[in-house]
Amino acid sequence: MNAIPGLSSTLVGSLEQAAERGHDVTFLVTDEPERVPWSQMYDDARRFASAMQARGVGPGERVALLGSTSRELVTAIEATWLAGAAVIVLPLPTRLGSEEEFRAQTHARISLGDVTLTVSDPDFLAAGIVEADEPAVVSFGQLVSDAAGDAGKRYERPPDDPEATAVLQFTSGSTDDPKGVVIPVRCVLDNLGGMADRVPISEDDDAVVSWLPLYHDMGLVANTAYAMAHGAHFVVAPPARFITSPAKWMQWMAEYKGTWTLAPNFALSMASRLLATADPLDLSSVRCLGSGSEPVAPDVMHRFTDAARPHGLDPGVMYAAYGMAEATVCISVAPMGTGFTVDVVDGVALEQDLRAEPVAPDHPRARALARCGPPIRGMEMRICDPDSGAAQQPGMLGEIEIRGPSVVPGYFERPDATARAFRDGGWLRTGDLGYLAQGDVVICGRLKDLIIVGGRNLFPEDLERAAQGVDGVRTGNVIAFGVDGGRRGDDVVIVAEVKTEDTAAVRDGIAKAVTDAVGVRPEDIVLLRPGTLPKTSSGKLRRSICRSRYRTAELDPL
């Protein structure tokens, strides 16, 4: 396997070099694939960048892009970087929310990002999501037209500036106004380099396959920018194609000899069920198949491996990763080829004392947690007391804090939020609860989501996994949280989407499954119609919003 040459010291330089490597990107927007050489993508992006520059885009400016995954969207992302500006890929509606809510969220991000130019799909212009009569708004079609004319012939390469913002990614805004994470060019290049050290792609053999949304750091940076900056074979589809037909992901991997792919935990859960009954597929080409973006469940990883093994998948290609936008994307990942591993600890010590005490796998209180590998090159990590910031003793859980060249400088025009996020010395408070096991990162959950009952620290992911195993409950569509007022601490509430009319049986099943799993019976179980559970635009569960809506009786139960 020939290693791809390293990245240039600049982002624009990397894109220039990548265009010369002779590979291509395949767009699976429809059932008719569109294959485009990276050299053609680069030429188109230069013309797009020239047209953007004619509209006032340049270094220090920000371009907002609103559209589904397409050749035009990916070209516009590259063009924004070629123009020296920062890209804001705006979230698309992924739940059955109101058009007004989507319009308000879109306008909020455009306003908070102080955007110079917004490029939108025509459908969103027609629906009034963004206003077409504003001078700073243009359709993708108009940008294509501009790029084909005189405006596309006057491209000026921007000066190289490692501190220039490459990406402005907004947080979900689940508890307050969304915050724009400022990701400079230097952070993008460092993080891509750290990923390449740990899970490298090859010059001629690798094909990166992704259906992840481009408005999320895992889809934008860990997949698209990774493939784009290296000029690797890239196969990309809109998220909607996976959501409406989850079997396509593995079919694409087989058809295009995919070697490198990432997905959240829920996608692996869906794929494992489909692979168990699917016609034979050839997955022998896969070299790296990672899970991240949300807590990695060992049982899901094992079920997927078991289901994919008959299709030729090598178990050694599986791995778990840990990351967040404030670290550009990747914080830790296991070396390629080592396979997915777990840390087995005493579940009682974990819940009662927040202590990771190793035990044998057959121990009666054994609990397996995913190992997410050691931090990538240059990434420092420490485990701290959330209140005092003091370092925890080895084996004790605490808040994960990180610093390093991939860690961003802060939030766009939010010095208050930046000050809260960082401790002295540049340490970023991740808000995640975890520990280190022989150098591997182990994530236990979000600090703010802990449910405390009778002195026990319950992790909502455990309750959610138990509930979603009940017949009639939609996989990946369960939220567990605690509310004040219980005699022994928090009252446990389960909110779940269901796909059956037999709600009584589902409610009984959830109560039993959760009680059997954690020894605590839910105080309340709320069942919802499909598509109504609060989630972020990238599909993550919004526990705080769900808890708030439960308290104010805003949920719409069956």
Protein backbone atom coordinates (compact mmCIF):
# COMPACT_ATOMS: atom_id res chain seq x y z
CA MET A 1 0.00 0.00 0.00
CA ASN A 2 1.53 3.30 -1.10
CA ALA A 3 1.09 6.08 1.44
CA ILE A 4 -0.39 9.32 0.18
CA PRO A 5 2.13 12.16 0.32
CA GLY A 6 1.71 14.44 3.32
CA LEU A 7 -0.46 17.51 3.28
CA SER A 8 0.93 20.85 2.19
CA SER A 9 1.68 23.35 4.95
CA THR A 10 -1.34 25.34 3.70
CA LEU A 11 -4.94 24.40 3.02
CA VAL A 12 -5.01 25.92 -0.47
CA GLY A 13 -1.70 24.24 -1.24
CA SER A 14 -3.11 20.87 -0.15
CA LEU A 15 -6.12 21.32 -2.44
CA GLU A 16 -3.83 22.24 -5.33
CA GLN A 17 -1.64 19.18 -4.80
CA ALA A 18 -4.62 16.86 -4.33
CA ALA A 19 -6.06 17.87 -7.70
CA GLU A 20 -2.95 16.49 -9.41
CA ARG A 21 -3.14 12.97 -7.95
CA GLY A 22 -5.49 11.59 -10.58
CA HIS A 23 -8.37 10.33 -8.44
CA ASP A 24 -12.03 11.28 -8.33
CA VAL A 25 -15.22 11.78 -6.36
CA THR A 26 -18.43 9.87 -7.07
CA PHE A 27 -21.71 11.58 -6.17
CA LEU A 28 -24.60 9.25 -5.31
CA VAL A 29 -27.28 11.93 -5.27
CA THR A 30 -29.54 9.74 -7.41
CA ASP A 31 -29.46 6.17 -8.67
CA GLU A 32 -27.29 7.47 -11.54
CA PRO A 33 -23.80 8.00 -10.07
CA GLU A 34 -21.84 11.05 -11.20
CA ARG A 35 -18.08 10.55 -11.27
CA VAL A 36 -15.91 13.68 -11.39
CA PRO A 37 -12.09 13.85 -11.28
CA TRP A 38 -10.69 15.90 -8.40
CA SER A 39 -8.85 17.94 -11.03
CA GLN A 40 -12.20 18.94 -12.54
CA MET A 41 -13.61 19.66 -9.07
CA TYR A 42 -10.63 21.92 -8.39
CA ASP A 43 -11.02 23.79 -11.69
CA ASP A 44 -14.74 24.27 -11.01
CA ALA A 45 -13.98 25.41 -7.46
CA ARG A 46 -11.50 28.01 -8.74
CA ARG A 47 -14.21 29.44 -10.97
CA PHE A 48 -16.71 29.33 -8.08
CA ALA A 49 -14.12 31.08 -5.89
CA SER A 50 -13.63 33.76 -8.53
CA ALA A 51 -17.40 34.31 -8.70
CA MET A 52 -17.50 34.52 -4.90
CA GLN A 53 -14.66 37.03 -4.88
CA ALA A 54 -16.65 39.16 -7.34
CA ARG A 55 -19.39 39.24 -4.69
CA GLY A 56 -17.05 40.45 -1.94
CA VAL A 57 -15.86 37.13 -0.51
CA GLY A 58 -12.25 36.99 0.62
CA PRO A 59 -10.00 36.49 3.64
CA GLY A 60 -11.80 37.27 6.89
CA GLU A 61 -15.24 36.75 5.33
CA ARG A 62 -17.72 33.93 5.86
CA VAL A 63 -19.83 32.05 3.33
CA ALA A 64 -22.98 30.17 4.39
CA LEU A 65 -24.04 27.18 2.30
CA LEU A 66 -27.56 25.76 2.53
CA GLY A 67 -28.25 22.66 0.49
CA SER A 68 -28.32 18.90 0.39
CA THR A 69 -25.17 16.96 -0.48
CA SER A 70 -24.41 17.46 -4.17
CA ARG A 71 -21.59 18.20 -6.58
CA GLU A 72 -22.44 21.91 -6.32
CA LEU A 73 -22.28 21.91 -2.51
CA VAL A 74 -18.92 20.12 -2.34
CA THR A 75 -17.54 22.42 -5.05
CA ALA A 76 -18.75 25.47 -3.09
CA ILE A 77 -17.03 24.20 0.08
CA GLU A 78 -13.72 23.88 -1.77
CA ALA A 79 -14.30 27.24 -3.48
CA THR A 80 -14.81 29.00 -0.15
CA TRP A 81 -11.42 27.76 1.02
CA LEU A 82 -9.78 28.70 -2.30
CA ALA A 83 -11.19 32.21 -1.81
CA GLY A 84 -9.56 32.36 1.64
CA ALA A 85 -12.91 32.56 3.48
CA ALA A 86 -14.56 30.49 6.20
CA VAL A 87 -17.34 28.07 5.34
CA ILE A 88 -20.55 27.68 7.34
CA VAL A 89 -22.50 24.66 6.12
CA LEU A 90 -26.00 25.29 7.42
CA PRO A 91 -27.98 22.39 8.92
CA LEU A 92 -30.89 20.92 7.03
CA PRO A 93 -34.17 19.90 8.70
CA THR A 94 -33.85 16.26 9.75
CA ARG A 95 -36.89 15.93 11.99
CA LEU A 96 -40.54 16.65 11.47
CA GLY A 97 -40.21 20.17 12.86
CA SER A 98 -41.98 23.25 11.65
CA GLU A 99 -40.83 25.28 8.67
CA GLU A 100 -40.89 28.35 10.90
CA GLU A 101 -38.42 26.76 13.33
CA PHE A 102 -36.11 25.81 10.46
CA ARG A 103 -36.33 29.33 9.01
CA ALA A 104 -35.58 30.89 12.41
CA GLN A 105 -32.58 28.62 13.03
CA THR A 106 -31.20 29.34 9.57
CA HIS A 107 -31.54 33.10 9.95
CA ALA A 108 -29.99 32.94 13.43
CA ARG A 109 -26.86 31.22 12.13
CA ILE A 110 -26.53 33.56 9.17
CA SER A 111 -26.88 36.55 11.48
CA LEU A 112 -24.60 35.22 14.24
CA GLY A 113 -21.98 34.28 11.64
CA ASP A 114 -21.96 37.78 10.14
CA VAL A 115 -22.14 36.16 6.71
CA THR A 116 -20.93 37.92 3.56
CA LEU A 117 -22.60 35.54 1.09
CA THR A 118 -25.26 32.83 1.41
CA VAL A 119 -25.56 30.20 -1.31
CA SER A 120 -28.77 28.17 -1.20
CA ASP A 121 -30.61 25.39 -2.99
CA PRO A 122 -33.44 26.92 -5.07
CA ASP A 123 -36.06 25.01 -3.05
CA PHE A 124 -35.09 26.84 0.12
CA LEU A 125 -35.21 30.16 -1.70
CA ALA A 126 -38.66 29.35 -3.03
CA ALA A 127 -39.84 28.41 0.47
CA GLY A 128 -38.52 31.68 1.91
CA ILE A 129 -36.06 29.95 4.23
CA VAL A 130 -33.59 32.57 3.01
CA GLU A 131 -34.68 35.68 1.14
CA ALA A 132 -33.75 35.70 -2.55
CA ASP A 133 -34.03 39.50 -2.90
CA GLU A 134 -31.19 40.14 -0.47
CA PRO A 135 -27.94 41.01 -2.28
CA ALA A 136 -25.95 38.57 -0.13
CA VAL A 137 -28.06 35.56 -1.18
CA VAL A 138 -27.58 33.58 -4.38
CA SER A 139 -28.73 30.18 -5.59
CA PHE A 140 -26.30 27.41 -6.47
CA GLY A 141 -27.57 27.67 -10.03
CA GLN A 142 -26.72 31.37 -10.19
CA LEU A 143 -23.27 30.71 -8.76
CA VAL A 144 -22.70 28.08 -11.46
CA SER A 145 -23.83 30.60 -14.07
CA ASP A 146 -21.57 33.32 -12.63
CA ALA A 147 -18.62 30.92 -12.59
CA ALA A 148 -19.16 30.09 -16.26
CA GLY A 149 -19.00 33.78 -17.24
CA ASP A 150 -16.51 36.58 -16.81
CA ALA A 151 -16.87 36.50 -13.01
CA GLY A 152 -15.32 33.03 -13.03
CA LYS A 153 -12.14 34.11 -14.81
CA ARG A 154 -10.57 36.49 -12.29
CA TYR A 155 -9.52 34.20 -9.45
CA GLU A 156 -6.91 35.61 -7.08
CA ARG A 157 -5.12 33.18 -4.80
CA PRO A 158 -5.38 34.45 -1.21
CA PRO A 159 -2.28 34.88 0.96
CA ASP A 160 -1.54 31.82 3.09
CA ASP A 161 -2.65 32.43 6.66
CA PRO A 162 -2.67 29.53 9.14
CA GLU A 163 -4.76 31.59 11.57
CA ALA A 164 -7.50 32.28 9.01
CA THR A 165 -10.80 30.61 9.88
CA ALA A 166 -11.51 27.62 7.62
CA VAL A 167 -14.76 26.45 9.22
CA LEU A 168 -17.29 28.13 11.47
CA GLN A 169 -19.41 25.31 12.87
CA PHE A 170 -22.38 26.16 15.02
CA THR A 171 -23.27 24.06 18.02
CA SER A 172 -26.80 22.68 18.17
CA GLY A 173 -28.09 25.40 20.47
CA SER A 174 -29.89 22.81 22.59
CA THR A 175 -29.72 24.93 25.75
CA ASP A 176 -29.01 28.45 24.47
CA ASP A 177 -28.26 30.34 21.28
CA PRO A 178 -26.00 28.32 18.99
CA LYS A 179 -22.31 29.12 19.33
CA GLY A 180 -19.98 29.29 16.34
CA VAL A 181 -16.88 27.13 16.83
CA VAL A 182 -13.96 28.90 15.14
CA ILE A 183 -11.78 26.30 13.37
CA PRO A 184 -8.63 27.89 11.86
CA VAL A 185 -6.72 26.50 8.90
CA ARG A 186 -3.86 25.37 11.19
CA CYS A 187 -6.30 23.28 13.26
CA VAL A 188 -7.76 21.60 10.17
CA LEU A 189 -4.33 20.70 8.81
CA ASP A 190 -3.04 19.47 12.16
CA ASN A 191 -6.12 17.34 12.81
CA LEU A 192 -6.10 15.81 9.33
CA GLY A 193 -2.41 15.04 9.81
CA GLY A 194 -3.07 13.43 13.18
CA MET A 195 -5.80 11.29 11.67
CA ALA A 196 -3.50 10.27 8.80
CA ASP A 197 -0.88 9.14 11.31
CA ARG A 198 -3.35 6.87 13.08
CA VAL A 199 -5.76 5.76 10.31
CA PRO A 200 -3.93 6.54 7.06
CA ILE A 201 -5.36 6.37 3.57
CA SER A 202 -3.35 5.11 0.60
CA GLU A 203 -2.57 6.78 -2.69
CA ASP A 204 -4.13 4.26 -5.05
CA ASP A 205 -6.07 1.70 -3.03
CA ASP A 206 -8.40 3.55 -0.69
CA ALA A 207 -11.94 4.73 -1.27
CA VAL A 208 -13.60 6.89 1.40
CA VAL A 209 -17.36 6.29 1.52
CA SER A 210 -19.63 8.73 3.37
CA TRP A 211 -23.30 9.63 3.68
CA LEU A 212 -22.79 11.83 6.76
CA PRO A 213 -24.17 15.39 6.71
CA LEU A 214 -21.70 18.03 5.57
CA TYR A 215 -22.95 20.44 8.24
CA HIS A 216 -21.39 18.26 10.96
CA ASP A 217 -17.67 18.03 11.72
CA MET A 218 -17.47 14.27 11.14
CA GLY A 219 -18.99 14.58 7.67
CA LEU A 220 -17.29 17.86 6.72
CA VAL A 221 -13.79 17.44 8.16
CA ALA A 222 -13.21 13.75 8.96
CA ASN A 223 -14.63 12.59 5.62
CA THR A 224 -14.95 15.32 2.98
CA ALA A 225 -11.96 17.53 3.88
CA TYR A 226 -9.86 14.41 4.57
CA ALA A 227 -10.57 12.99 1.11
CA MET A 228 -10.45 16.40 -0.61
CA ALA A 229 -7.13 17.50 0.89
CA HIS A 230 -5.50 14.16 0.06
CA GLY A 231 -7.15 13.75 -3.35
CA ALA A 232 -8.31 10.26 -2.41
CA HIS A 233 -11.14 8.33 -4.07
CA PHE A 234 -14.32 9.66 -2.46
CA VAL A 235 -17.85 8.29 -2.68
CA VAL A 236 -20.45 10.58 -1.14
CA ALA A 237 -24.23 10.43 -0.78
CA PRO A 238 -26.82 12.66 0.89
CA PRO A 239 -27.83 11.54 4.41
CA ALA A 240 -31.43 11.15 3.25
CA ARG A 241 -30.44 8.27 0.98
CA PHE A 242 -29.14 6.32 3.98
CA ILE A 243 -32.04 7.26 6.25
CA THR A 244 -34.66 6.14 3.71
CA SER A 245 -32.72 3.01 2.76
CA PRO A 246 -30.08 2.05 5.37
CA ALA A 247 -29.04 -1.03 3.40
CA LYS A 248 -27.44 1.19 0.77
CA TRP A 249 -24.45 2.07 2.97
CA MET A 250 -23.02 -1.45 2.95
CA GLN A 251 -24.09 -1.93 -0.67
CA TRP A 252 -22.04 1.16 -1.61
CA MET A 253 -19.08 -0.17 0.38
CA ALA A 254 -19.23 -3.40 -1.61
CA GLU A 255 -19.91 -1.85 -5.03
CA TYR A 256 -17.21 0.82 -4.83
CA LYS A 257 -14.70 -1.31 -2.93
CA GLY A 258 -14.92 1.09 0.00
CA THR A 259 -12.00 0.86 2.37
CA TRP A 260 -12.61 3.76 4.80
CA THR A 261 -15.87 4.84 6.39
CA LEU A 262 -17.21 6.40 9.58
CA ALA A 263 -20.66 6.43 11.14
CA PRO A 264 -22.47 7.07 14.42
CA ASN A 265 -23.53 4.23 16.67
CA PHE A 266 -27.17 4.22 15.51
CA ALA A 267 -26.13 3.62 11.88
CA LEU A 268 -24.11 0.53 12.81
CA SER A 269 -27.08 -0.76 14.76
CA MET A 270 -29.33 -0.38 11.72
CA ALA A 271 -26.75 -1.87 9.37
CA SER A 272 -26.17 -4.93 11.56
CA ARG A 273 -29.84 -5.92 11.39
CA LEU A 274 -29.90 -5.54 7.62
CA LEU A 275 -26.63 -7.42 7.07
CA ALA A 276 -27.95 -10.36 9.06
CA THR A 277 -30.51 -11.08 6.34
CA ALA A 278 -28.88 -9.46 3.29
CA ASP A 279 -27.74 -11.23 0.15
CA PRO A 280 -23.98 -11.81 0.12
CA LEU A 281 -21.86 -8.65 -0.15
CA ASP A 282 -18.10 -8.38 -0.57
CA LEU A 283 -16.79 -6.25 2.30
CA SER A 284 -13.29 -7.70 2.16
CA SER A 285 -11.85 -4.41 0.88
CA VAL A 286 -12.67 -2.53 4.13
CA ARG A 287 -9.58 -1.42 6.05
CA CYS A 288 -11.04 1.14 8.47
CA LEU A 289 -14.61 1.20 9.77
CA GLY A 290 -15.03 3.56 12.68
CA SER A 291 -17.78 4.62 15.03
CA GLY A 292 -17.92 8.04 16.65
CA SER A 293 -19.99 11.23 17.04
CA GLU A 294 -22.09 9.64 19.79
CA PRO A 295 -21.29 7.17 22.61
CA VAL A 296 -20.06 3.88 21.19
CA ALA A 297 -21.96 0.86 22.51
CA PRO A 298 -19.85 -2.32 22.65
CA ASP A 299 -22.83 -4.57 22.03
CA VAL A 300 -23.66 -2.64 18.84
CA MET A 301 -20.06 -2.92 17.62
CA HIS A 302 -20.02 -6.65 18.34
CA ARG A 303 -23.38 -7.25 16.64
CA PHE A 304 -22.24 -5.37 13.56
CA THR A 305 -18.97 -7.31 13.43
CA ASP A 306 -20.81 -10.62 13.75
CA ALA A 307 -23.30 -9.64 11.04
CA ALA A 308 -20.61 -8.33 8.66
CA ARG A 309 -18.11 -11.15 9.11
CA PRO A 310 -19.99 -13.54 6.76
CA HIS A 311 -19.75 -10.79 4.14
CA GLY A 312 -15.96 -10.81 4.32
CA LEU A 313 -15.36 -8.06 6.89
CA ASP A 314 -12.16 -8.45 8.91
CA PRO A 315 -12.97 -7.72 12.61
CA GLY A 316 -9.59 -6.01 12.92
CA VAL A 317 -10.81 -3.05 10.83
CA MET A 318 -13.32 -1.94 13.48
CA TYR A 319 -12.51 0.90 15.84
CA ALA A 320 -14.09 3.53 18.09
CA ALA A 321 -13.14 7.20 17.96
CA TYR A 322 -13.71 10.22 20.17
CA GLY A 323 -14.00 13.77 18.92
CA MET A 324 -15.80 17.09 18.95
CA ALA A 325 -15.92 20.27 16.87
CA GLU A 326 -13.92 22.18 19.51
CA ALA A 327 -11.02 19.81 18.76
CA THR A 328 -11.60 20.31 14.98
CA VAL A 329 -12.98 16.77 14.93
CA CYS A 330 -10.72 13.92 16.12
CA ILE A 331 -9.38 13.68 19.68
CA SER A 332 -8.49 10.01 19.90
CA VAL A 333 -8.65 6.90 17.74
CA ALA A 334 -7.08 3.45 17.85
CA PRO A 335 -4.27 2.62 15.40
CA MET A 336 -5.47 1.05 12.17
CA GLY A 337 -5.77 -2.71 12.26
CA THR A 338 -5.89 -3.14 16.03
CA GLY A 339 -9.65 -3.78 16.10
CA PHE A 340 -12.33 -2.65 18.49
CA THR A 341 -11.53 -3.26 22.19
CA VAL A 342 -13.27 -2.69 25.49
CA ASP A 343 -12.32 -1.93 29.07
CA VAL A 344 -14.13 -4.17 31.56
CA VAL A 345 -14.79 -2.61 34.97
CA ASP A 346 -16.91 -3.14 38.08
CA GLY A 347 -20.30 -1.59 37.29
CA VAL A 348 -21.12 -0.95 40.94
CA ALA A 349 -17.86 0.92 41.60
CA LEU A 350 -18.46 2.90 38.42
CA GLU A 351 -21.95 3.99 39.48
CA GLN A 352 -21.40 4.52 43.18
CA ASP A 353 -17.84 5.84 43.34
CA LEU A 354 -17.15 6.97 39.76
CA ARG A 355 -14.19 4.59 39.87
CA ALA A 356 -13.08 2.37 36.97
CA GLU A 357 -12.03 -0.80 38.79
CA PRO A 358 -10.88 -3.53 36.34
CA VAL A 359 -12.55 -6.93 36.67
CA ALA A 360 -12.65 -10.13 34.64
CA PRO A 361 -15.19 -10.28 31.80
CA ASP A 362 -17.12 -13.01 33.62
CA HIS A 363 -17.33 -11.02 36.87
CA PRO A 364 -21.00 -10.71 38.01
CA ARG A 365 -20.75 -6.91 38.07
CA ALA A 366 -18.67 -6.62 34.89
CA ARG A 367 -19.44 -3.76 32.56
CA ALA A 368 -17.74 -3.29 29.19
CA LEU A 369 -16.92 0.21 27.93
CA ALA A 370 -15.58 1.15 24.51
CA ARG A 371 -11.91 2.07 24.23
CA CYS A 372 -11.50 5.00 21.84
CA GLY A 373 -7.76 4.66 21.42
CA PRO A 374 -5.03 7.05 22.61
CA PRO A 375 -5.10 10.78 21.83
CA ILE A 376 -3.80 11.66 18.37
CA ARG A 377 -0.45 13.29 17.74
CA GLY A 378 -0.06 16.54 19.66
CA MET A 379 -3.26 16.14 21.68
CA GLU A 380 -2.76 16.39 25.46
CA MET A 381 -5.41 15.07 27.83
CA ARG A 382 -6.08 15.09 31.54
CA ILE A 383 -8.91 13.86 33.78
CA CYS A 384 -10.06 16.50 36.26
CA ASP A 385 -12.52 17.14 39.04
CA PRO A 386 -15.30 19.06 37.26
CA ASP A 387 -15.61 21.65 40.02
CA SER A 388 -12.07 22.33 41.17
CA GLY A 389 -10.18 21.36 38.05
CA ALA A 390 -7.78 19.27 40.15
CA ALA A 391 -6.30 16.20 38.49
CA GLN A 392 -8.08 12.97 39.39
CA GLN A 393 -6.26 9.93 40.67
CA PRO A 394 -5.66 7.18 38.07
CA GLY A 395 -8.76 5.06 37.65
CA MET A 396 -11.16 7.76 38.80
CA LEU A 397 -13.69 9.25 36.43
CA GLY A 398 -13.64 12.97 35.82
CA GLU A 399 -14.16 15.63 33.22
CA ILE A 400 -11.96 15.18 30.18
CA GLU A 401 -9.86 18.26 29.41
CA ILE A 402 -7.74 18.63 26.30
CA ARG A 403 -5.27 21.01 24.70
CA GLY A 404 -3.10 20.90 21.61
CA PRO A 405 -2.67 22.31 18.10
CA SER A 406 -6.03 20.93 16.94
CA VAL A 407 -7.97 22.56 19.78
CA VAL A 408 -9.76 25.66 18.53
CA PRO A 409 -9.20 29.14 19.99
CA GLY A 410 -12.84 29.59 21.00
CA TYR A 411 -16.30 30.70 19.85
CA PHE A 412 -17.05 33.37 17.28
CA GLU A 413 -17.67 36.72 18.96
CA ARG A 414 -18.54 34.94 22.23
CA PRO A 415 -15.75 35.75 24.71
CA ASP A 416 -18.09 34.78 27.55
CA ALA A 417 -18.58 31.27 26.20
CA THR A 418 -14.89 30.95 25.37
CA ALA A 419 -13.92 31.95 28.93
CA ARG A 420 -16.27 29.32 30.40
CA ALA A 421 -14.94 26.59 28.10
CA PHE A 422 -11.24 27.04 28.85
CA ARG A 423 -9.21 26.80 32.03
CA ASP A 424 -5.88 28.52 32.59
CA GLY A 425 -3.15 27.05 30.43
CA GLY A 426 -5.39 26.56 27.41
CA TRP A 427 -7.18 23.45 28.69
CA LEU A 428 -10.57 22.95 27.05
CA ARG A 429 -13.33 21.56 29.25
CA THR A 430 -15.09 18.99 27.06
CA GLY A 431 -18.05 18.38 29.37
CA ASP A 432 -17.50 14.64 28.89
CA LEU A 433 -17.07 12.22 31.77
CA GLY A 434 -14.41 9.57 31.29
CA TYR A 435 -11.02 8.13 32.20
CA LEU A 436 -7.86 6.68 30.69
CA ALA A 437 -7.26 2.92 30.52
CA GLN A 438 -3.62 2.10 29.68
CA GLY A 439 -3.55 5.25 27.57
CA ASP A 440 -6.86 4.63 25.79
CA VAL A 441 -9.68 7.13 26.19
CA VAL A 442 -12.90 5.73 27.68
CA ILE A 443 -16.03 7.91 27.51
CA CYS A 444 -18.80 7.31 30.03
CA GLY A 445 -21.22 10.11 29.14
CA ARG A 446 -21.94 13.82 29.41
CA LEU A 447 -21.52 15.32 32.86
CA LYS A 448 -24.73 17.32 32.65
CA ASP A 449 -26.72 14.19 31.71
CA LEU A 450 -25.87 12.06 34.75
CA ILE A 451 -28.94 10.74 36.58
CA ILE A 452 -28.37 10.35 40.34
CA VAL A 453 -30.67 7.93 42.18
CA GLY A 454 -29.98 6.68 45.70
CA GLY A 455 -26.32 7.61 45.51
CA ARG A 456 -25.87 5.82 42.19
CA ASN A 457 -24.66 7.63 39.06
CA LEU A 458 -26.74 6.33 36.17
CA PHE A 459 -25.65 7.02 32.61
CA PRO A 460 -28.61 7.77 30.32
CA GLU A 461 -27.04 5.78 27.49
CA ASP A 462 -27.48 2.58 29.54
CA LEU A 463 -31.19 3.24 30.06
CA GLU A 464 -31.66 4.23 26.42
CA ARG A 465 -29.98 1.08 25.12
CA ALA A 466 -32.20 -1.07 27.33
CA ALA A 467 -35.38 0.69 26.22
CA GLN A 468 -34.66 0.63 22.50
CA GLY A 469 -34.29 -3.14 22.59
CA VAL A 470 -38.03 -3.44 23.26
CA ASP A 471 -40.22 -4.47 20.33
CA GLY A 472 -42.03 -1.47 18.91
CA VAL A 473 -39.42 1.10 19.97
CA ARG A 474 -37.52 2.88 17.18
CA THR A 475 -33.78 2.23 17.36
CA GLY A 476 -31.79 5.33 18.26
CA ASN A 477 -34.93 7.22 19.25
CA VAL A 478 -34.99 7.01 23.04
CA ILE A 479 -34.05 9.70 25.55
CA ALA A 480 -33.58 9.09 29.27
CA PHE A 481 -33.15 11.83 31.85
CA GLY A 482 -33.70 12.62 35.50
CA VAL A 483 -35.98 15.22 37.01
CA ASP A 484 -35.76 16.63 40.53
CA GLY A 485 -38.23 15.57 43.17
CA GLY A 486 -37.65 11.89 43.72
CA ARG A 487 -37.41 10.57 47.25
CA ARG A 488 -34.00 9.05 46.53
CA GLY A 489 -32.75 11.70 44.12
CA ASP A 490 -33.79 12.10 40.50
CA ASP A 491 -36.92 10.53 39.08
CA VAL A 492 -36.10 8.59 35.91
CA VAL A 493 -38.09 9.49 32.80
CA ILE A 494 -37.95 7.61 29.49
CA VAL A 495 -39.20 9.25 26.28
CA ALA A 496 -39.33 7.03 23.19
CA GLU A 497 -40.62 7.03 19.65
CA VAL A 498 -42.67 3.96 18.79
CA LYS A 499 -43.76 2.24 15.59
CA THR A 500 -46.77 0.34 16.96
CA GLU A 501 -50.25 1.08 18.26
CA ASP A 502 -49.85 -1.33 21.18
CA THR A 503 -48.53 1.33 23.53
CA ALA A 504 -49.44 -0.56 26.70
CA ALA A 505 -47.18 -3.48 25.77
CA VAL A 506 -44.35 -1.14 24.80
CA ARG A 507 -44.64 0.81 28.04
CA ASP A 508 -44.56 -2.40 30.09
CA GLY A 509 -41.64 -3.69 28.04
CA ILE A 510 -39.62 -0.51 28.59
CA ALA A 511 -40.30 -0.53 32.32
CA LYS A 512 -39.11 -4.13 32.62
CA ALA A 513 -36.07 -3.69 30.34
CA VAL A 514 -34.83 -0.61 32.17
CA THR A 515 -35.44 -2.13 35.60
CA ASP A 516 -33.62 -5.31 34.61
CA ALA A 517 -30.70 -3.32 33.16
CA VAL A 518 -30.05 -0.80 35.95
CA GLY A 519 -32.23 -1.86 38.88
CA VAL A 520 -34.29 1.33 38.81
CA ARG A 521 -37.88 1.49 37.55
CA PRO A 522 -38.75 4.57 35.48
CA GLU A 523 -41.10 6.99 37.20
CA ASP A 524 -42.64 7.95 33.86
CA ILE A 525 -42.57 6.61 30.29
CA VAL A 526 -43.65 8.93 27.47
CA LEU A 527 -44.30 7.46 24.02
CA LEU A 528 -44.13 9.66 20.93
CA ARG A 529 -44.92 9.41 17.24
CA PRO A 530 -41.99 8.88 14.84
CA GLY A 531 -40.05 12.03 14.03
CA THR A 532 -41.04 14.04 17.11
CA LEU A 533 -38.19 13.31 19.53
CA PRO A 534 -35.91 16.35 19.94
CA LYS A 535 -32.62 15.88 18.08
CA THR A 536 -29.89 18.14 16.79
CA SER A 537 -29.54 18.79 13.07
CA SER A 538 -26.86 16.08 12.94
CA GLY A 539 -29.12 13.50 14.60
CA LYS A 540 -27.84 13.60 18.17
CA LEU A 541 -30.32 13.27 21.02
CA ARG A 542 -31.24 16.58 22.70
CA ARG A 543 -31.72 15.47 26.28
CA SER A 544 -31.83 18.93 27.81
CA ILE A 545 -34.49 20.13 25.37
CA CYS A 546 -36.49 16.95 25.91
CA ARG A 547 -36.29 17.39 29.69
CA SER A 548 -37.40 21.01 29.36
CA ARG A 549 -40.35 20.09 27.13
CA TYR A 550 -41.35 17.31 29.52
CA ARG A 551 -41.38 19.72 32.47
CA THR A 552 -43.52 22.24 30.58
CA ALA A 553 -45.83 19.57 29.11
CA GLU A 554 -44.80 20.46 25.54
CA LEU A 555 -44.26 16.88 24.41
CA ASP A 556 -47.11 15.37 22.41
CA PRO A 557 -47.50 11.82 23.78
CA LEU A 558 -49.56 9.13 22.13
